[in-house]
């Protein structure tokens, strides 16, 4: 499973943000092949005032369906609406989603120039615990 996330930083003008966000969200809801949509409203942090205000997560079966959704007419309209916000007020992220059944999350593969010890540790981690798998394999 693949996830597209948008992290929204705390807005200077919350009312303006909410107006644009609601219009944006209405367009997102028209995008094809979204398996799940999750909105997280950040209420605080043990480290003081949080930088992040809201997180929107869109789940897709695969990278291909995610790309098709983002490139669809509705996806393009949503992108235009999103860019009514200041460019430094949000961050876009793509992520693989893993379902954990205990154990440890697989380590990313080491770069070709990376530390061999890191690659060995990652391989050992994957060998010791095979309880984590990408959601699409379920």
N, C-alpha and C. Protein backbone atom coordinates (compact mmCIF):
# COMPACT_ATOMS: atom_id res chain seq x y z
N UNK A 1 0.86 -1.17 0.00
CA UNK A 1 0.00 0.00 0.00
C UNK A 1 0.90 1.23 0.00
N UNK A 2 0.43 2.27 -0.65
CA UNK A 2 1.17 3.52 -0.79
C UNK A 2 0.37 4.64 -0.13
N UNK A 3 1.07 5.58 0.44
CA UNK A 3 0.39 6.71 1.09
C UNK A 3 0.97 8.01 0.56
N UNK A 4 0.09 8.95 0.24
CA UNK A 4 0.45 10.31 -0.13
C UNK A 4 0.04 11.19 1.05
N UNK A 5 0.99 11.91 1.60
CA UNK A 5 0.71 12.74 2.77
C UNK A 5 0.98 14.20 2.47
N UNK A 6 0.16 15.04 3.05
CA UNK A 6 0.39 16.48 3.01
C UNK A 6 0.43 16.95 4.45
N UNK A 7 1.56 17.51 4.85
CA UNK A 7 1.73 18.06 6.18
C UNK A 7 1.55 19.57 6.07
N UNK A 8 0.57 20.09 6.78
CA UNK A 8 0.28 21.52 6.75
C UNK A 8 0.88 22.16 8.00
N UNK A 9 1.69 23.17 7.79
CA UNK A 9 2.27 23.90 8.92
C UNK A 9 1.20 24.83 9.52
N UNK A 10 1.41 25.22 10.75
CA UNK A 10 0.46 26.11 11.43
C UNK A 10 0.28 27.39 10.61
N UNK A 11 -0.96 27.69 10.23
CA UNK A 11 -1.20 28.85 9.37
C UNK A 11 -1.17 30.17 10.15
N UNK A 12 -0.76 31.22 9.47
CA UNK A 12 -0.80 32.55 10.07
C UNK A 12 -2.24 33.04 10.16
N UNK A 13 -3.05 32.68 9.15
CA UNK A 13 -4.46 33.08 9.10
C UNK A 13 -5.29 31.80 9.03
N UNK A 14 -5.76 31.31 10.18
CA UNK A 14 -6.47 30.03 10.26
C UNK A 14 -7.76 30.06 9.44
N UNK A 15 -8.49 31.16 9.43
CA UNK A 15 -9.74 31.23 8.68
C UNK A 15 -9.50 31.09 7.18
N UNK A 16 -8.49 31.80 6.67
CA UNK A 16 -8.14 31.69 5.24
C UNK A 16 -7.72 30.25 4.93
N UNK A 17 -6.88 29.67 5.79
CA UNK A 17 -6.44 28.30 5.59
C UNK A 17 -7.65 27.36 5.50
N UNK A 18 -8.56 27.45 6.45
CA UNK A 18 -9.72 26.54 6.50
C UNK A 18 -10.59 26.68 5.25
N UNK A 19 -10.77 27.91 4.74
CA UNK A 19 -11.55 28.10 3.53
C UNK A 19 -10.91 27.40 2.33
N UNK A 20 -9.61 27.59 2.16
CA UNK A 20 -8.89 26.95 1.06
C UNK A 20 -8.86 25.43 1.26
N UNK A 21 -8.61 25.00 2.49
CA UNK A 21 -8.51 23.58 2.79
C UNK A 21 -9.83 22.86 2.48
N UNK A 22 -10.96 23.45 2.85
CA UNK A 22 -12.26 22.82 2.59
C UNK A 22 -12.53 22.70 1.09
N UNK A 23 -12.17 23.74 0.32
CA UNK A 23 -12.31 23.66 -1.14
C UNK A 23 -11.39 22.58 -1.70
N UNK A 24 -10.17 22.53 -1.19
CA UNK A 24 -9.19 21.52 -1.61
C UNK A 24 -9.71 20.11 -1.30
N UNK A 25 -10.22 19.92 -0.10
CA UNK A 25 -10.70 18.61 0.32
C UNK A 25 -11.86 18.13 -0.54
N UNK A 26 -12.74 19.04 -0.92
CA UNK A 26 -13.87 18.67 -1.80
C UNK A 26 -13.36 18.15 -3.14
N UNK A 27 -12.28 18.72 -3.64
CA UNK A 27 -11.69 18.26 -4.90
C UNK A 27 -10.97 16.92 -4.71
N UNK A 28 -10.30 16.75 -3.59
CA UNK A 28 -9.61 15.49 -3.29
C UNK A 28 -10.62 14.35 -3.28
N UNK A 29 -11.79 14.58 -2.73
CA UNK A 29 -12.80 13.53 -2.63
C UNK A 29 -13.28 13.05 -3.99
N UNK A 30 -13.03 13.80 -5.04
CA UNK A 30 -13.41 13.39 -6.40
C UNK A 30 -12.31 12.59 -7.08
N UNK A 31 -11.14 12.51 -6.48
CA UNK A 31 -10.03 11.76 -7.09
C UNK A 31 -10.34 10.26 -7.09
N UNK A 32 -9.95 9.56 -8.17
CA UNK A 32 -10.25 8.12 -8.26
C UNK A 32 -9.29 7.26 -7.42
N UNK A 33 -9.78 6.09 -7.07
CA UNK A 33 -8.97 5.00 -6.49
C UNK A 33 -8.34 5.28 -5.14
N UNK A 34 -8.90 6.22 -4.37
CA UNK A 34 -8.41 6.41 -3.00
C UNK A 34 -9.04 5.31 -2.15
N UNK A 35 -8.20 4.51 -1.50
CA UNK A 35 -8.69 3.44 -0.65
C UNK A 35 -9.17 3.96 0.70
N UNK A 36 -8.47 4.97 1.18
CA UNK A 36 -8.78 5.51 2.51
C UNK A 36 -8.23 6.93 2.58
N UNK A 37 -8.98 7.78 3.25
CA UNK A 37 -8.53 9.15 3.50
C UNK A 37 -8.53 9.35 5.00
N UNK A 38 -7.45 9.90 5.50
CA UNK A 38 -7.37 10.14 6.94
C UNK A 38 -6.87 11.57 7.16
N UNK A 39 -7.58 12.29 8.02
CA UNK A 39 -7.19 13.65 8.38
C UNK A 39 -6.80 13.64 9.85
N UNK A 40 -5.65 14.20 10.12
CA UNK A 40 -5.15 14.29 11.49
C UNK A 40 -5.02 15.77 11.84
N UNK A 41 -5.74 16.18 12.86
CA UNK A 41 -5.61 17.56 13.34
C UNK A 41 -4.73 17.54 14.58
N UNK A 42 -3.60 18.20 14.52
CA UNK A 42 -2.63 18.19 15.62
C UNK A 42 -3.13 19.11 16.72
N UNK A 43 -3.18 18.59 17.95
CA UNK A 43 -3.71 19.36 19.07
C UNK A 43 -2.64 19.86 20.04
N UNK A 44 -1.43 19.39 19.89
CA UNK A 44 -0.37 19.82 20.79
C UNK A 44 0.86 18.97 20.64
N UNK A 45 1.85 19.25 21.48
CA UNK A 45 3.11 18.52 21.46
C UNK A 45 3.76 18.64 22.83
N UNK A 46 4.43 17.58 23.30
CA UNK A 46 5.15 17.69 24.56
C UNK A 46 6.40 18.56 24.43
N UNK A 47 6.71 19.00 23.20
CA UNK A 47 7.89 19.82 22.96
C UNK A 47 7.54 21.29 22.71
N UNK A 48 6.35 21.70 23.11
CA UNK A 48 5.93 23.09 22.90
C UNK A 48 4.97 23.20 21.74
N UNK A 49 4.83 24.38 21.19
CA UNK A 49 3.89 24.62 20.10
C UNK A 49 4.31 23.80 18.87
N UNK A 50 3.41 22.97 18.34
CA UNK A 50 3.77 22.15 17.18
C UNK A 50 3.88 22.98 15.91
N UNK A 51 4.80 22.59 15.05
CA UNK A 51 4.95 23.24 13.75
C UNK A 51 3.86 22.77 12.79
N UNK A 52 3.43 21.52 12.96
CA UNK A 52 2.43 20.93 12.07
C UNK A 52 1.04 21.17 12.65
N UNK A 53 0.13 21.58 11.79
CA UNK A 53 -1.25 21.91 12.16
C UNK A 53 -2.21 20.78 11.79
N UNK A 54 -2.02 20.23 10.60
CA UNK A 54 -2.90 19.19 10.10
C UNK A 54 -2.13 18.30 9.14
N UNK A 55 -2.54 17.03 9.07
CA UNK A 55 -1.94 16.07 8.14
C UNK A 55 -3.08 15.41 7.38
N UNK A 56 -2.96 15.39 6.07
CA UNK A 56 -3.91 14.68 5.23
C UNK A 56 -3.18 13.48 4.64
N UNK A 57 -3.77 12.29 4.81
CA UNK A 57 -3.16 11.06 4.30
C UNK A 57 -4.13 10.40 3.33
N UNK A 58 -3.64 10.11 2.14
CA UNK A 58 -4.44 9.43 1.11
C UNK A 58 -3.76 8.10 0.81
N UNK A 59 -4.50 7.01 0.92
CA UNK A 59 -3.96 5.67 0.72
C UNK A 59 -4.38 5.13 -0.64
N UNK A 60 -3.41 4.48 -1.32
CA UNK A 60 -3.65 3.89 -2.63
C UNK A 60 -3.10 2.47 -2.65
N UNK A 61 -3.64 1.66 -3.53
CA UNK A 61 -3.20 0.27 -3.66
C UNK A 61 -1.75 0.18 -4.16
N UNK A 62 -1.37 1.07 -5.09
CA UNK A 62 -0.04 0.99 -5.69
C UNK A 62 0.42 2.37 -6.13
N UNK A 63 1.68 2.44 -6.50
CA UNK A 63 2.23 3.69 -7.02
C UNK A 63 1.51 4.08 -8.30
N UNK A 64 1.17 3.10 -9.13
CA UNK A 64 0.48 3.40 -10.38
C UNK A 64 -0.89 4.04 -10.13
N UNK A 65 -1.66 3.48 -9.21
CA UNK A 65 -2.99 4.06 -8.94
C UNK A 65 -2.85 5.44 -8.29
N UNK A 66 -1.82 5.62 -7.47
CA UNK A 66 -1.58 6.93 -6.87
C UNK A 66 -1.26 7.95 -7.95
N UNK A 67 -0.38 7.60 -8.87
CA UNK A 67 0.00 8.50 -9.96
C UNK A 67 -1.20 8.85 -10.82
N UNK A 68 -2.00 7.83 -11.16
CA UNK A 68 -3.20 8.07 -11.97
C UNK A 68 -4.16 9.02 -11.26
N UNK A 69 -4.33 8.84 -9.96
CA UNK A 69 -5.24 9.71 -9.20
C UNK A 69 -4.72 11.15 -9.17
N UNK A 70 -3.43 11.31 -8.92
CA UNK A 70 -2.86 12.65 -8.85
C UNK A 70 -2.87 13.35 -10.21
N UNK A 71 -2.74 12.56 -11.27
CA UNK A 71 -2.73 13.13 -12.62
C UNK A 71 -4.13 13.27 -13.22
N UNK A 72 -5.14 12.75 -12.54
CA UNK A 72 -6.52 12.86 -13.03
C UNK A 72 -6.94 14.33 -13.03
N UNK A 73 -8.04 14.61 -13.72
CA UNK A 73 -8.55 15.99 -13.74
C UNK A 73 -8.81 16.49 -12.32
N UNK A 74 -9.44 15.62 -11.50
CA UNK A 74 -9.73 16.03 -10.11
C UNK A 74 -8.44 16.23 -9.33
N UNK A 75 -7.45 15.38 -9.56
CA UNK A 75 -6.16 15.53 -8.88
C UNK A 75 -5.45 16.82 -9.26
N UNK A 76 -5.52 17.16 -10.53
CA UNK A 76 -4.89 18.40 -11.00
C UNK A 76 -5.61 19.63 -10.45
N UNK A 77 -6.94 19.57 -10.40
CA UNK A 77 -7.71 20.68 -9.82
C UNK A 77 -7.37 20.84 -8.34
N UNK A 78 -7.26 19.70 -7.63
CA UNK A 78 -6.91 19.75 -6.21
C UNK A 78 -5.53 20.37 -6.02
N UNK A 79 -4.59 19.99 -6.88
CA UNK A 79 -3.24 20.56 -6.80
C UNK A 79 -3.23 22.07 -7.00
N UNK A 80 -4.03 22.54 -7.93
CA UNK A 80 -4.12 23.99 -8.16
C UNK A 80 -4.70 24.69 -6.93
N UNK A 81 -5.71 24.07 -6.34
CA UNK A 81 -6.31 24.66 -5.13
C UNK A 81 -5.31 24.68 -3.99
N UNK A 82 -4.57 23.58 -3.83
CA UNK A 82 -3.56 23.51 -2.78
C UNK A 82 -2.54 24.64 -2.92
N UNK A 83 -2.18 24.95 -4.15
CA UNK A 83 -1.17 25.99 -4.37
C UNK A 83 -1.70 27.41 -4.21
N UNK A 84 -2.94 27.54 -3.75
CA UNK A 84 -3.42 28.86 -3.31
C UNK A 84 -2.81 29.19 -1.95
N UNK A 85 -2.33 28.15 -1.24
CA UNK A 85 -1.63 28.36 0.04
C UNK A 85 -0.17 28.70 -0.25
N UNK A 86 0.48 29.40 0.66
CA UNK A 86 1.91 29.69 0.46
C UNK A 86 2.70 28.38 0.32
N UNK A 87 3.66 28.36 -0.61
CA UNK A 87 4.41 27.13 -0.90
C UNK A 87 5.17 26.59 0.31
N UNK A 88 5.52 27.45 1.25
CA UNK A 88 6.26 26.98 2.43
C UNK A 88 5.33 26.57 3.57
N UNK A 89 4.01 26.53 3.30
CA UNK A 89 3.05 26.20 4.36
C UNK A 89 2.65 24.72 4.37
N UNK A 90 3.18 23.95 3.43
CA UNK A 90 2.85 22.52 3.39
C UNK A 90 4.02 21.74 2.80
N UNK A 91 4.02 20.45 3.08
CA UNK A 91 5.04 19.55 2.55
C UNK A 91 4.32 18.32 2.01
N UNK A 92 4.73 17.85 0.83
CA UNK A 92 4.15 16.67 0.19
C UNK A 92 5.10 15.50 0.34
N UNK A 93 4.57 14.33 0.72
CA UNK A 93 5.39 13.14 0.94
C UNK A 93 4.73 11.90 0.34
N UNK A 94 5.54 11.00 -0.19
CA UNK A 94 5.11 9.67 -0.62
C UNK A 94 5.70 8.67 0.34
N UNK A 95 4.95 7.61 0.67
CA UNK A 95 5.47 6.63 1.62
C UNK A 95 4.92 5.24 1.33
N UNK A 96 5.74 4.23 1.60
CA UNK A 96 5.27 2.85 1.62
C UNK A 96 4.65 2.63 2.99
N UNK A 97 3.57 1.87 3.03
CA UNK A 97 2.89 1.58 4.29
C UNK A 97 3.13 0.12 4.64
N UNK A 98 3.59 -0.12 5.85
CA UNK A 98 3.83 -1.48 6.33
C UNK A 98 2.88 -1.76 7.49
N UNK A 99 2.39 -2.97 7.54
CA UNK A 99 1.58 -3.42 8.66
C UNK A 99 2.49 -4.21 9.57
N UNK A 100 2.56 -3.83 10.83
CA UNK A 100 3.45 -4.52 11.76
C UNK A 100 2.67 -5.51 12.61
N UNK A 101 3.22 -6.72 12.70
CA UNK A 101 2.64 -7.75 13.55
C UNK A 101 3.61 -8.06 14.68
N UNK A 102 4.38 -7.07 15.08
CA UNK A 102 5.41 -7.26 16.10
C UNK A 102 6.76 -7.31 15.41
N UNK A 103 7.80 -7.32 16.17
CA UNK A 103 9.13 -7.36 15.57
C UNK A 103 9.62 -5.98 15.21
N UNK A 104 10.30 -5.88 14.09
CA UNK A 104 10.90 -4.61 13.70
C UNK A 104 10.56 -4.26 12.26
N UNK A 105 10.59 -2.99 11.95
CA UNK A 105 10.33 -2.51 10.61
C UNK A 105 11.58 -2.73 9.77
N UNK A 106 11.44 -3.19 8.52
CA UNK A 106 12.61 -3.40 7.66
C UNK A 106 13.41 -2.12 7.50
N UNK A 107 14.72 -2.27 7.44
CA UNK A 107 15.60 -1.13 7.24
C UNK A 107 15.74 -0.86 5.74
N UNK A 108 15.87 0.41 5.35
CA UNK A 108 16.08 0.71 3.93
C UNK A 108 17.41 0.12 3.48
N UNK A 109 17.51 -0.23 2.21
CA UNK A 109 18.75 -0.77 1.67
C UNK A 109 19.83 0.28 1.73
N UNK A 110 21.06 -0.16 1.99
CA UNK A 110 22.19 0.76 2.06
C UNK A 110 22.53 1.26 0.67
N UNK A 111 22.99 2.51 0.56
CA UNK A 111 23.47 3.05 -0.71
C UNK A 111 24.67 2.24 -1.16
N UNK A 112 24.95 2.29 -2.46
CA UNK A 112 26.12 1.57 -2.96
C UNK A 112 27.38 2.02 -2.26
N UNK A 113 27.43 3.30 -1.91
CA UNK A 113 28.60 3.83 -1.22
C UNK A 113 28.41 3.78 0.29
N UNK A 114 27.28 3.22 0.74
CA UNK A 114 26.94 3.20 2.16
C UNK A 114 27.85 2.28 2.95
N UNK A 115 27.67 2.32 4.23
CA UNK A 115 28.47 1.55 5.16
C UNK A 115 28.05 0.08 5.09
N UNK A 116 28.99 -0.81 4.88
CA UNK A 116 28.71 -2.25 4.79
C UNK A 116 28.12 -2.76 6.09
N UNK A 117 28.51 -2.20 7.21
CA UNK A 117 27.97 -2.63 8.49
C UNK A 117 26.48 -2.33 8.58
N UNK A 118 26.05 -1.19 8.03
CA UNK A 118 24.63 -0.86 8.01
C UNK A 118 23.86 -1.88 7.17
N UNK A 119 24.42 -2.26 6.02
CA UNK A 119 23.76 -3.24 5.16
C UNK A 119 23.67 -4.59 5.86
N UNK A 120 24.73 -4.98 6.57
CA UNK A 120 24.71 -6.25 7.31
C UNK A 120 23.65 -6.21 8.40
N UNK A 121 23.56 -5.09 9.11
CA UNK A 121 22.57 -4.96 10.18
C UNK A 121 21.16 -5.03 9.61
N UNK A 122 20.94 -4.40 8.46
CA UNK A 122 19.62 -4.43 7.83
C UNK A 122 19.27 -5.85 7.41
N UNK A 123 20.22 -6.55 6.83
CA UNK A 123 19.98 -7.92 6.40
C UNK A 123 19.68 -8.80 7.61
N UNK A 124 20.42 -8.61 8.70
CA UNK A 124 20.19 -9.39 9.91
C UNK A 124 18.80 -9.10 10.47
N UNK A 125 18.40 -7.84 10.46
CA UNK A 125 17.09 -7.45 10.96
C UNK A 125 15.99 -8.13 10.16
N UNK A 126 16.12 -8.17 8.83
CA UNK A 126 15.11 -8.79 7.99
C UNK A 126 15.09 -10.30 8.19
N UNK A 127 16.25 -10.89 8.46
CA UNK A 127 16.33 -12.32 8.67
C UNK A 127 15.74 -12.71 10.01
N UNK A 128 16.01 -11.92 11.04
CA UNK A 128 15.55 -12.24 12.40
C UNK A 128 14.03 -12.14 12.48
N UNK A 129 13.44 -11.13 11.86
CA UNK A 129 12.00 -10.94 12.01
C UNK A 129 11.36 -10.74 10.65
N UNK A 130 10.57 -11.71 10.25
CA UNK A 130 9.85 -11.57 8.98
C UNK A 130 8.38 -11.23 9.24
N UNK A 131 8.12 -10.59 10.37
CA UNK A 131 6.74 -10.28 10.76
C UNK A 131 6.23 -8.98 10.15
N UNK A 132 7.06 -8.26 9.41
CA UNK A 132 6.65 -7.00 8.82
C UNK A 132 6.60 -7.19 7.32
N UNK A 133 5.49 -6.79 6.72
CA UNK A 133 5.37 -6.91 5.28
C UNK A 133 4.63 -5.70 4.74
N UNK A 134 4.95 -5.31 3.50
CA UNK A 134 4.17 -4.21 2.91
C UNK A 134 2.71 -4.61 2.85
N UNK A 135 1.83 -3.64 3.06
CA UNK A 135 0.40 -3.92 3.10
C UNK A 135 -0.10 -4.52 1.82
N UNK A 136 0.51 -4.16 0.67
CA UNK A 136 0.04 -4.66 -0.60
C UNK A 136 0.26 -6.16 -0.75
N UNK A 137 1.12 -6.73 0.09
CA UNK A 137 1.38 -8.17 0.01
C UNK A 137 0.32 -8.96 0.76
N UNK A 138 -0.53 -8.28 1.56
CA UNK A 138 -1.57 -8.97 2.34
C UNK A 138 -2.67 -9.48 1.46
